[in-house]
Amino acid sequence: MVGTYPRTFATEPENIIKINSGCDYKQLHEGPIPVYGTGGYMLSVDKALSYKKDAIGIGRKGTIDHPYILFAPFWTVDTLFYSIPKENFDINFLYDIFQTIDWKSLDESTGVPSLSKVNINNIEVRIPYDIKEQQTIGDFFQNLDNLITEQKNKLENLQKVKKSMLCKMFPKEGQKVPEIRFKGFEGDWILITLGNVGLFHSNGVDKKIYPNEHMVNLLNYMDIYNGRIVNKRKCNSLMQVSANDRQLRDCNVLANDIFFTPS
């Protein structure tokens, strides 16, 4: 049950975590210890910066807004800080706090994004006294993360299945029938051009509003490129432009229309 807990206090990260710098790994040998950078796992070596204590990784330079948990033993490169929780502070809870911080607003550079220990330590956060409450919150979000990972894995597997079936359920070049076919269907597939199965339109509506024209919702190429889902309920969120009578007739979007970008 979610409730309110008055016993909280404001503090700075240096009071709840110790922020450590990563090091160059090139002098090390191949081994079982994972090396992490701002983008995640890189390779494995024979020594660790932390052998027993888990930590939270946060980029010092480059990708500074994607913290993640590092499970001991591990090594980090010099562009990744690793933050070890102090006694009586739950790592999953602190990881959740890290995800609420606008790290890009702390960027100190004019080029490659950068963070410093000083800036991180100066961030004030509010946390509960009771470590059990910290653990309860941390476990809650860890369970959500696990569910998200499971769904991502399912999605990836479905995408692989779809890609495979698209290859097998349509005839390959030079073939007249697909490799896999539903039961009850037989005979050769016919060869036609796409122009025989639909009408292609390339000219649409300008991204402007002209007087004495009809106001319409514009579906532009970036909506298609980004895979935006549009239906009757969401169409009002599209760009508002105007269209003349011809454009209304020729460029009106209908059910079952297929869209693709020319580039």
Protein backbone atom coordinates (compact mmCIF):
# COMPACT_ATOMS: atom_id res chain seq x y z
CA MET A 1 0.00 0.00 0.00
CA VAL A 2 1.30 3.43 -0.89
CA GLY A 3 1.11 5.96 1.93
CA THR A 4 2.82 9.06 3.31
CA TYR A 5 5.87 8.86 5.56
CA PRO A 6 6.81 11.99 7.54
CA ARG A 7 10.19 10.70 8.74
CA THR A 8 12.31 11.88 5.84
CA PHE A 9 15.33 14.13 5.68
CA ALA A 10 17.19 16.18 3.06
CA THR A 11 20.85 15.46 2.48
CA GLU A 12 23.59 15.60 -0.12
CA PRO A 13 24.86 12.51 -2.03
CA GLU A 14 28.27 12.62 -0.29
CA ASN A 15 26.45 11.68 2.95
CA ILE A 16 24.83 8.56 1.49
CA ILE A 17 27.26 7.38 -1.23
CA LYS A 18 30.97 7.49 -1.95
CA ILE A 19 31.69 8.59 -5.52
CA ASN A 20 34.77 6.94 -6.99
CA SER A 21 36.58 7.50 -10.28
CA GLY A 22 37.24 4.77 -12.82
CA CYS A 23 40.69 3.97 -14.18
CA ASP A 24 42.38 2.93 -17.38
CA TYR A 25 42.28 -0.85 -17.86
CA LYS A 26 44.89 -1.20 -20.62
CA GLN A 27 47.63 -2.36 -18.25
CA LEU A 28 45.44 -5.25 -17.08
CA HIS A 29 45.24 -8.76 -18.48
CA GLU A 30 42.28 -10.72 -19.76
CA GLY A 31 40.21 -12.27 -16.98
CA PRO A 32 36.72 -12.79 -15.50
CA ILE A 33 36.11 -9.25 -14.17
CA PRO A 34 33.77 -7.12 -16.36
CA VAL A 35 34.87 -3.62 -17.40
CA TYR A 36 32.15 -0.99 -17.81
CA GLY A 37 32.00 2.36 -19.57
CA THR A 38 29.22 4.89 -20.06
CA GLY A 39 27.70 2.63 -22.71
CA GLY A 40 27.78 -0.53 -20.56
CA TYR A 41 29.93 -3.66 -20.66
CA MET A 42 33.15 -3.42 -22.69
CA LEU A 43 35.40 -6.43 -21.96
CA SER A 44 36.75 -8.53 -19.05
CA VAL A 45 40.03 -8.23 -17.13
CA ASP A 46 41.88 -9.88 -14.23
CA LYS A 47 41.43 -7.18 -11.53
CA ALA A 48 38.56 -5.20 -10.00
CA LEU A 49 38.09 -1.74 -8.54
CA SER A 50 35.37 -3.16 -6.30
CA TYR A 51 35.47 -6.83 -5.39
CA LYS A 52 32.56 -7.08 -2.93
CA LYS A 53 30.47 -3.90 -3.01
CA ASP A 54 27.89 -3.16 -5.72
CA ALA A 55 27.72 0.40 -7.01
CA ILE A 56 25.81 2.79 -9.25
CA GLY A 57 27.59 3.84 -12.43
CA ILE A 58 27.12 7.38 -13.73
CA GLY A 59 28.98 8.89 -16.66
CA ARG A 60 31.73 11.43 -15.97
CA LYS A 61 32.04 12.32 -19.65
CA GLY A 62 29.90 11.53 -22.69
CA THR A 63 26.66 9.80 -21.71
CA ILE A 64 26.01 11.40 -18.33
CA ASP A 65 22.27 10.74 -17.94
CA HIS A 66 22.04 6.93 -17.93
CA PRO A 67 22.95 5.54 -14.48
CA TYR A 68 22.97 1.78 -13.99
CA ILE A 69 23.81 -0.71 -11.25
CA LEU A 70 27.26 -2.36 -11.27
CA PHE A 71 27.41 -5.76 -9.60
CA ALA A 72 30.69 -6.59 -7.88
CA PRO A 73 33.30 -7.51 -8.84
CA PHE A 74 33.79 -4.91 -11.58
CA TRP A 75 36.14 -2.35 -13.12
CA THR A 76 35.11 0.99 -14.65
CA VAL A 77 36.93 3.17 -17.17
CA ASP A 78 37.89 6.75 -16.36
CA THR A 79 34.77 8.18 -18.02
CA LEU A 80 32.46 6.40 -15.56
CA PHE A 81 32.07 7.21 -11.87
CA TYR A 82 31.04 4.36 -9.60
CA SER A 83 29.06 5.31 -6.50
CA ILE A 84 29.05 2.90 -3.53
CA PRO A 85 26.23 3.35 -0.97
CA LYS A 86 27.26 3.98 2.61
CA GLU A 87 25.97 1.87 5.51
CA ASN A 88 22.17 1.80 6.01
CA PHE A 89 21.36 3.01 2.50
CA ASP A 90 19.72 0.70 -0.03
CA ILE A 91 21.37 0.59 -3.46
CA ASN A 92 18.14 -0.02 -5.40
CA PHE A 93 16.51 2.96 -3.69
CA LEU A 94 19.51 5.19 -4.44
CA TYR A 95 19.52 3.97 -8.03
CA ASP A 96 15.89 5.11 -8.29
CA ILE A 97 16.89 8.53 -6.95
CA PHE A 98 19.65 8.72 -9.56
CA GLN A 99 17.02 8.16 -12.24
CA THR A 100 14.99 11.19 -11.04
CA ILE A 101 17.91 13.64 -11.32
CA ASP A 102 18.24 15.87 -14.39
CA TRP A 103 21.91 15.07 -14.99
CA LYS A 104 22.15 17.07 -18.21
CA SER A 105 21.37 20.25 -16.27
CA LEU A 106 24.65 19.67 -14.38
CA ASP A 107 26.70 19.50 -17.57
CA GLU A 108 29.84 21.62 -17.10
CA SER A 109 31.20 21.56 -20.63
CA THR A 110 30.61 23.40 -23.87
CA GLY A 111 31.44 20.29 -25.89
CA VAL A 112 31.25 16.67 -24.73
CA PRO A 113 28.81 16.45 -21.74
CA SER A 114 30.71 16.23 -18.43
CA LEU A 115 30.01 15.79 -14.71
CA SER A 116 32.21 16.41 -11.67
CA LYS A 117 32.21 14.89 -8.19
CA VAL A 118 31.65 18.35 -6.74
CA ASN A 119 28.47 18.91 -8.71
CA ILE A 120 27.16 15.45 -7.88
CA ASN A 121 27.90 15.89 -4.17
CA ASN A 122 26.11 19.26 -4.13
CA ILE A 123 22.80 17.77 -5.26
CA GLU A 124 20.30 17.78 -2.40
CA VAL A 125 17.91 14.81 -2.17
CA ARG A 126 15.20 13.84 0.29
CA ILE A 127 15.11 10.27 1.58
CA PRO A 128 13.35 8.31 4.38
CA TYR A 129 15.20 7.49 7.60
CA ASP A 130 13.90 3.93 7.66
CA ILE A 131 16.02 1.63 5.49
CA LYS A 132 13.04 -0.77 5.31
CA GLU A 133 11.09 1.91 3.48
CA GLN A 134 14.05 2.47 1.18
CA GLN A 135 14.17 -1.27 0.47
CA THR A 136 10.42 -1.44 -0.13
CA ILE A 137 10.63 1.36 -2.69
CA GLY A 138 13.76 -0.12 -4.25
CA ASP A 139 12.16 -3.56 -4.56
CA PHE A 140 9.03 -2.05 -6.12
CA PHE A 141 10.96 -0.36 -8.92
CA GLN A 142 13.29 -3.34 -9.34
CA ASN A 143 10.21 -5.51 -9.99
CA LEU A 144 9.01 -2.97 -12.55
CA ASP A 145 12.42 -3.01 -14.22
CA ASN A 146 12.32 -6.80 -14.36
CA LEU A 147 8.88 -6.70 -15.99
CA ILE A 148 10.11 -4.12 -18.50
CA THR A 149 13.10 -6.33 -19.34
CA GLU A 150 10.83 -9.35 -19.80
CA GLN A 151 8.54 -7.40 -22.14
CA LYS A 152 11.52 -6.09 -24.11
CA ASN A 153 12.81 -9.64 -24.52
CA LYS A 154 9.37 -10.80 -25.69
CA LEU A 155 9.23 -7.90 -28.15
CA GLU A 156 12.70 -8.70 -29.51
CA ASN A 157 11.75 -12.35 -29.95
CA LEU A 158 8.52 -11.42 -31.74
CA GLN A 159 10.43 -9.06 -34.02
CA LYS A 160 12.85 -11.88 -34.87
CA VAL A 161 9.94 -14.22 -35.60
CA LYS A 162 8.29 -11.61 -37.81
CA LYS A 163 11.52 -10.95 -39.72
CA SER A 164 12.02 -14.67 -40.28
CA MET A 165 8.43 -15.28 -41.40
CA LEU A 166 8.52 -12.31 -43.78
CA CYS A 167 11.38 -14.08 -45.53
CA LYS A 168 9.69 -17.48 -45.54
CA MET A 169 6.05 -16.56 -46.22
CA PHE A 170 6.75 -14.56 -49.40
CA PRO A 171 8.36 -16.09 -52.50
CA LYS A 172 12.08 -15.47 -52.85
CA GLU A 173 13.46 -14.02 -56.06
CA GLY A 174 12.94 -16.49 -58.90
CA GLN A 175 10.39 -18.52 -56.91
CA LYS A 176 6.61 -18.65 -57.49
CA VAL A 177 5.50 -19.95 -54.10
CA PRO A 178 6.65 -19.18 -50.53
CA GLU A 179 8.64 -21.60 -48.39
CA ILE A 180 5.92 -21.63 -45.71
CA ARG A 181 2.22 -21.51 -46.53
CA PHE A 182 -1.02 -21.85 -44.60
CA LYS A 183 -2.88 -25.11 -45.09
CA GLY A 184 -5.58 -25.14 -47.76
CA PHE A 185 -3.80 -22.80 -50.19
CA GLU A 186 -1.95 -23.87 -53.31
CA GLY A 187 -0.96 -22.68 -56.79
CA ASP A 188 1.62 -20.17 -58.02
CA TRP A 189 1.60 -16.55 -56.91
CA ILE A 190 1.14 -14.05 -59.73
CA LEU A 191 3.70 -11.36 -60.55
CA ILE A 192 2.41 -7.77 -60.62
CA THR A 193 3.73 -4.26 -60.06
CA LEU A 194 2.87 -2.20 -57.00
CA GLY A 195 1.14 0.29 -59.26
CA ASN A 196 -1.53 -2.34 -59.91
CA VAL A 197 -2.45 -2.77 -56.25
CA GLY A 198 -2.97 0.86 -55.22
CA LEU A 199 -2.65 4.56 -56.02
CA PHE A 200 0.55 6.37 -55.06
CA HIS A 201 0.51 10.03 -54.01
CA SER A 202 3.64 12.04 -53.37
CA ASN A 203 2.35 15.60 -53.12
CA GLY A 204 0.49 16.53 -49.96
CA VAL A 205 -0.40 19.62 -47.98
CA ASP A 206 1.99 22.48 -47.16
CA LYS A 207 2.92 23.15 -43.55
CA LYS A 208 1.17 26.51 -43.71
CA ILE A 209 -2.18 28.14 -43.09
CA TYR A 210 -3.77 30.10 -45.92
CA PRO A 211 -6.93 32.24 -45.73
CA ASN A 212 -10.21 30.82 -47.09
CA GLU A 213 -8.99 27.22 -46.81
CA HIS A 214 -10.11 24.31 -44.65
CA MET A 215 -8.25 23.57 -41.39
CA VAL A 216 -6.90 20.00 -41.30
CA ASN A 217 -4.58 17.79 -39.23
CA LEU A 218 -1.29 17.16 -41.04
CA LEU A 219 0.43 13.77 -40.93
CA ASN A 220 4.02 14.61 -41.93
CA TYR A 221 6.99 12.47 -42.85
CA MET A 222 8.54 12.58 -39.34
CA ASP A 223 5.35 11.08 -37.90
CA ILE A 224 5.80 8.16 -40.31
CA TYR A 225 9.55 7.89 -39.74
CA ASN A 226 9.10 7.76 -35.95
CA GLY A 227 6.31 5.16 -36.21
CA ARG A 228 3.75 7.43 -34.59
CA ILE A 229 0.40 5.78 -33.88
CA VAL A 230 -2.47 7.94 -35.08
CA ASN A 231 -6.18 7.26 -34.67
CA LYS A 232 -9.36 9.32 -34.36
CA ARG A 233 -8.68 9.95 -30.69
CA LYS A 234 -5.10 11.14 -31.24
CA CYS A 235 -5.37 12.95 -34.57
CA ASN A 236 -6.00 16.32 -32.92
CA SER A 237 -2.44 16.25 -31.61
CA LEU A 238 -1.10 16.52 -35.19
CA MET A 239 0.09 19.76 -36.75
CA GLN A 240 -2.74 22.12 -37.77
CA VAL A 241 -2.52 23.43 -41.35
CA SER A 242 -4.94 24.42 -44.10
CA ALA A 243 -5.94 22.66 -47.34
CA ASN A 244 -7.86 23.64 -50.45
CA ASP A 245 -10.69 21.63 -52.03
CA ARG A 246 -8.37 19.66 -54.33
CA GLN A 247 -6.04 18.75 -51.47
CA LEU A 248 -8.99 17.64 -49.37
CA ARG A 249 -10.07 15.34 -52.19
CA ASP A 250 -6.68 13.93 -53.21
CA CYS A 251 -4.71 13.97 -49.93
CA ASN A 252 -7.30 12.87 -47.41
CA VAL A 253 -6.10 9.96 -45.26
CA LEU A 254 -8.39 6.92 -45.38
CA ALA A 255 -8.53 3.68 -43.42
CA ASN A 256 -6.05 1.03 -44.70
CA ASP A 257 -3.81 3.60 -46.42
CA ILE A 258 -0.11 2.69 -46.29
CA PHE A 259 2.53 5.35 -45.68
CA PHE A 260 6.27 5.34 -46.28
CA THR A 261 8.92 8.04 -46.45
CA PRO A 262 10.88 8.68 -49.67
CA SER A 263 14.16 9.05 -47.77
